Amino acid sequence: HFEKAIPGLGHCIHTYVENDDVLPSFNGEPYLMPVYDTLEQNIETYWNILNIENIISLLVKNIDVKTGKSEIKIKNKNI
């Protein structure tokens, strides 16, 4: 739970901590990443910079701070 959103930044949580033959599980606090205007821009930007050999799926979520309404977009490698 985060007290206050920072405009233009989102919190990244992912499965693995590094790129190696054996991928150790991620642990620790989410870290800040730049976010873009649309869910589509976010998912395409981050999908294209990830290692295609290790990526399975990617989820991005937007929460409107005024209304609390949220939107989710998911991209899967095999679909």
C-alpha atoms as a PDB file:
ATOM      1  CA  HIS A   1       0.000   0.000   0.000  1.00  0.00           C
ATOM      2  CA  PHE A   2       1.452   3.338  -1.049  1.00  0.00           C
ATOM      3  CA  GLU A   3       0.413   6.588   0.586  1.00  0.00           C
ATOM      4  CA  LYS A   4       0.570   8.859  -2.452  1.00  0.00           C
ATOM      5  CA  ALA A   5       0.924   8.360  -6.195  1.00  0.00           C
ATOM      6  CA  ILE A   6       3.767  10.106  -8.003  1.00  0.00           C
ATOM      7  CA  PRO A   7       2.612  11.511 -11.366  1.00  0.00           C
ATOM      8  CA  GLY A   8       4.291   9.759 -14.302  1.00  0.00           C
ATOM      9  CA  LEU A   9       5.626   6.859 -12.220  1.00  0.00           C
ATOM     10  CA  GLY A  10       4.251   3.421 -11.446  1.00  0.00           C
ATOM     11  CA  HIS A  11       5.309   0.552  -9.213  1.00  0.00           C
ATOM     12  CA  CYS A  12       6.897  -2.508 -10.828  1.00  0.00           C
ATOM     13  CA  ILE A  13       6.514  -5.980  -9.340  1.00  0.00           C
ATOM     14  CA  HIS A  14       7.902  -8.871 -11.339  1.00  0.00           C
ATOM     15  CA  THR A  15       8.583 -12.570 -11.019  1.00  0.00           C
ATOM     16  CA  TYR A  16      12.344 -12.710 -11.444  1.00  0.00           C
ATOM     17  CA  VAL A  17      15.168 -10.558 -10.146  1.00  0.00           C
ATOM     18  CA  GLU A  18      17.803 -11.070 -12.860  1.00  0.00           C
ATOM     19  CA  ASN A  19      18.516 -12.699 -16.206  1.00  0.00           C
ATOM     20  CA  ASP A  20      20.416 -15.952 -15.666  1.00  0.00           C
ATOM     21  CA  ASP A  21      20.197 -19.673 -16.432  1.00  0.00           C
ATOM     22  CA  VAL A  22      18.354 -20.204 -13.162  1.00  0.00           C
ATOM     23  CA  LEU A  23      16.010 -17.303 -12.513  1.00  0.00           C
ATOM     24  CA  PRO A  24      15.836 -16.459  -8.800  1.00  0.00           C
ATOM     25  CA  SER A  25      12.473 -15.202  -7.543  1.00  0.00           C
ATOM     26  CA  PHE A  26      12.061 -11.468  -7.073  1.00  0.00           C
ATOM     27  CA  ASN A  27      11.835 -10.232  -3.510  1.00  0.00           C
ATOM     28  CA  GLY A  28      11.805  -6.823  -1.896  1.00  0.00           C
ATOM     29  CA  GLU A  29       9.841  -3.668  -2.503  1.00  0.00           C
ATOM     30  CA  PRO A  30       8.336  -2.708  -5.878  1.00  0.00           C
ATOM     31  CA  TYR A  31      10.407  -0.120  -7.683  1.00  0.00           C
ATOM     32  CA  LEU A  32       9.434   2.967  -9.647  1.00  0.00           C
ATOM     33  CA  MET A  33       9.123   2.894 -13.438  1.00  0.00           C
ATOM     34  CA  PRO A  34       7.991   5.569 -15.902  1.00  0.00           C
ATOM     35  CA  VAL A  35       4.398   5.226 -17.093  1.00  0.00           C
ATOM     36  CA  TYR A  36       2.875   6.486 -20.314  1.00  0.00           C
ATOM     37  CA  ASP A  37      -0.512   7.950 -21.232  1.00  0.00           C
ATOM     38  CA  THR A  38      -2.301   4.713 -22.171  1.00  0.00           C
ATOM     39  CA  LEU A  39      -2.310   1.090 -21.060  1.00  0.00           C
ATOM     40  CA  GLU A  40      -1.413   0.118 -24.634  1.00  0.00           C
ATOM     41  CA  GLN A  41       1.692   2.354 -24.619  1.00  0.00           C
ATOM     42  CA  ASN A  42       2.780   0.901 -21.287  1.00  0.00           C
ATOM     43  CA  ILE A  43       2.302  -2.732 -22.220  1.00  0.00           C
ATOM     44  CA  GLU A  44       4.009  -2.390 -25.618  1.00  0.00           C
ATOM     45  CA  THR A  45       6.936  -0.370 -24.225  1.00  0.00           C
ATOM     46  CA  TYR A  46       7.720  -2.812 -21.430  1.00  0.00           C
ATOM     47  CA  TRP A  47       6.975  -5.941 -23.493  1.00  0.00           C
ATOM     48  CA  ASN A  48       9.520  -4.797 -26.096  1.00  0.00           C
ATOM     49  CA  ILE A  49      12.339  -4.222 -23.584  1.00  0.00           C
ATOM     50  CA  LEU A  50      11.958  -7.534 -21.730  1.00  0.00           C
ATOM     51  CA  ASN A  51      13.944 -10.657 -22.598  1.00  0.00           C
ATOM     52  CA  ILE A  52      11.669 -12.554 -24.998  1.00  0.00           C
ATOM     53  CA  GLU A  53      13.163 -15.889 -23.880  1.00  0.00           C
ATOM     54  CA  ASN A  54      11.967 -15.356 -20.311  1.00  0.00           C
ATOM     55  CA  ILE A  55       8.739 -13.396 -20.688  1.00  0.00           C
ATOM     56  CA  ILE A  56       5.452 -15.255 -20.405  1.00  0.00           C
ATOM     57  CA  SER A  57       2.955 -12.486 -19.751  1.00  0.00           C
ATOM     58  CA  LEU A  58       2.729  -8.863 -18.724  1.00  0.00           C
ATOM     59  CA  LEU A  59      -0.038  -7.066 -16.841  1.00  0.00           C
ATOM     60  CA  VAL A  60      -0.454  -3.310 -16.583  1.00  0.00           C
ATOM     61  CA  LYS A  61      -3.049  -1.626 -14.408  1.00  0.00           C
ATOM     62  CA  ASN A  62      -4.232   1.958 -14.271  1.00  0.00           C
ATOM     63  CA  ILE A  63      -6.075   3.325 -11.244  1.00  0.00           C
ATOM     64  CA  ASP A  64      -7.834   6.675 -11.562  1.00  0.00           C
ATOM     65  CA  VAL A  65      -6.898   8.485  -8.345  1.00  0.00           C
ATOM     66  CA  LYS A  66     -10.045  10.629  -8.424  1.00  0.00           C
ATOM     67  CA  THR A  67     -12.626   7.872  -8.945  1.00  0.00           C
ATOM     68  CA  GLY A  68     -10.778   4.728  -7.840  1.00  0.00           C
ATOM     69  CA  LYS A  69     -11.824   3.059 -11.105  1.00  0.00           C
ATOM     70  CA  SER A  70      -9.198   0.681 -12.471  1.00  0.00           C
ATOM     71  CA  GLU A  71      -8.365  -0.791 -15.877  1.00  0.00           C
ATOM     72  CA  ILE A  72      -6.185  -3.822 -16.570  1.00  0.00           C
ATOM     73  CA  LYS A  73      -4.495  -4.987 -19.778  1.00  0.00           C
ATOM     74  CA  ILE A  74      -2.708  -8.336 -20.101  1.00  0.00           C
ATOM     75  CA  LYS A  75      -0.450  -9.573 -22.904  1.00  0.00           C
ATOM     76  CA  ASN A  76       0.499 -13.253 -23.134  1.00  0.00           C
ATOM     77  CA  LYS A  77       3.392 -14.650 -25.172  1.00  0.00           C
ATOM     78  CA  ASN A  78       1.495 -17.673 -26.495  1.00  0.00           C
ATOM     79  CA  ILE A  79      -1.785 -15.982 -27.401  1.00  0.00           C
END
